[in-house]
Amino acid sequence: MGPGGPGSGWPLAGTLLVAVAASMVAGGEDCLWYVDRNGSWHPGFDCEFFTFCCGTCLQRYCCRDPLRLITERQQRHCLAF
């Protein structure tokens, strides 16, 4: 079978590519300060190497999952609302 057929490495390669691209995008992007749903203020914090800021406007934490990534631009957008 050709590329993408059963047993090929394409799904894994695509997942790896997304993870690498997300970590490149997130390089140097840490969690900015935020206010949670109770109105409590939380100071910003740095994430360790190979982790980046994840979560929502109301809760932030460091993780390695590119699907949970929240960029500094998205975080600043949260502050506007």
Protein backbone atom coordinates (compact mmCIF):
# COMPACT_ATOMS: atom_id res chain seq x y z
CA MET A 1 0.00 0.00 0.00
CA GLY A 2 1.05 3.59 -0.52
CA PRO A 3 1.46 6.40 2.00
CA GLY A 4 -1.35 6.61 4.50
CA GLY A 5 -2.32 2.96 4.16
CA PRO A 6 -2.97 0.68 7.10
CA GLY A 7 0.03 0.32 9.37
CA SER A 8 1.85 3.30 7.92
CA GLY A 9 3.55 5.81 10.19
CA TRP A 10 1.60 8.80 8.85
CA PRO A 11 -0.81 9.30 11.79
CA LEU A 12 2.07 9.17 14.27
CA ALA A 13 4.20 11.45 12.10
CA GLY A 14 1.33 13.96 11.84
CA THR A 15 0.82 13.97 15.60
CA LEU A 16 4.53 14.47 16.17
CA LEU A 17 4.62 17.30 13.64
CA VAL A 18 1.73 19.07 15.40
CA ALA A 19 3.45 18.68 18.78
CA VAL A 20 6.76 20.05 17.48
CA ALA A 21 5.06 22.95 15.70
CA ALA A 22 3.04 23.83 18.80
CA SER A 23 6.11 23.81 21.01
CA MET A 24 7.94 26.03 18.52
CA VAL A 25 5.00 28.43 18.51
CA ALA A 26 4.83 28.30 22.29
CA GLY A 27 8.55 28.79 22.76
CA GLY A 28 9.02 31.52 25.33
CA GLU A 29 5.29 31.85 25.95
CA ASP A 30 4.44 31.50 29.60
CA CYS A 31 1.26 31.93 31.60
CA LEU A 32 0.26 35.55 32.10
CA TRP A 33 -1.65 36.76 35.16
CA TYR A 34 -5.37 36.06 35.15
CA VAL A 35 -8.54 36.34 37.21
CA ASP A 36 -10.44 33.10 37.88
CA ARG A 37 -14.23 32.64 37.92
CA ASN A 38 -14.33 33.59 41.62
CA GLY A 39 -12.65 36.91 40.90
CA SER A 40 -9.35 35.84 42.50
CA TRP A 41 -6.20 37.27 40.91
CA HIS A 42 -3.39 34.82 40.02
CA PRO A 43 0.13 36.07 39.17
CA GLY A 44 1.82 35.00 35.97
CA PHE A 45 4.33 32.15 36.02
CA ASP A 46 6.95 30.52 33.82
CA CYS A 47 6.62 26.98 32.51
CA GLU A 48 9.55 24.56 32.48
CA PHE A 49 11.45 23.68 29.31
CA PHE A 50 9.35 21.73 26.77
CA THR A 51 6.10 22.74 28.48
CA PHE A 52 3.87 25.66 27.73
CA CYS A 53 0.86 27.47 29.12
CA CYS A 54 -2.36 25.50 28.87
CA GLY A 55 -5.92 26.00 30.01
CA THR A 56 -8.56 28.67 29.59
CA CYS A 57 -9.10 32.32 30.39
CA LEU A 58 -10.17 31.31 33.91
CA GLN A 59 -7.60 28.61 34.74
CA ARG A 60 -3.99 28.19 33.59
CA TYR A 61 -1.32 25.56 34.13
CA CYS A 62 1.78 24.19 32.40
CA CYS A 63 1.47 21.10 30.20
CA ARG A 64 2.92 19.33 27.17
CA ASP A 65 -0.39 18.80 25.32
CA PRO A 66 -0.45 21.08 22.25
CA LEU A 67 -4.24 20.74 22.07
CA ARG A 68 -4.56 22.52 25.45
CA LEU A 69 -2.12 25.32 24.54
CA ILE A 70 -3.21 28.90 25.21
CA THR A 71 -0.88 31.42 23.54
CA GLU A 72 0.08 34.75 25.05
CA ARG A 73 -2.03 36.41 22.36
CA GLN A 74 -5.08 34.37 23.44
CA GLN A 75 -4.30 35.17 27.09
CA ARG A 76 -4.18 38.91 26.34
CA HIS A 77 -7.50 38.56 24.52
CA CYS A 78 -8.95 37.07 27.73
CA LEU A 79 -7.91 40.21 29.62
CA ALA A 80 -9.89 42.41 27.23
CA PHE A 81 -13.11 40.70 28.24
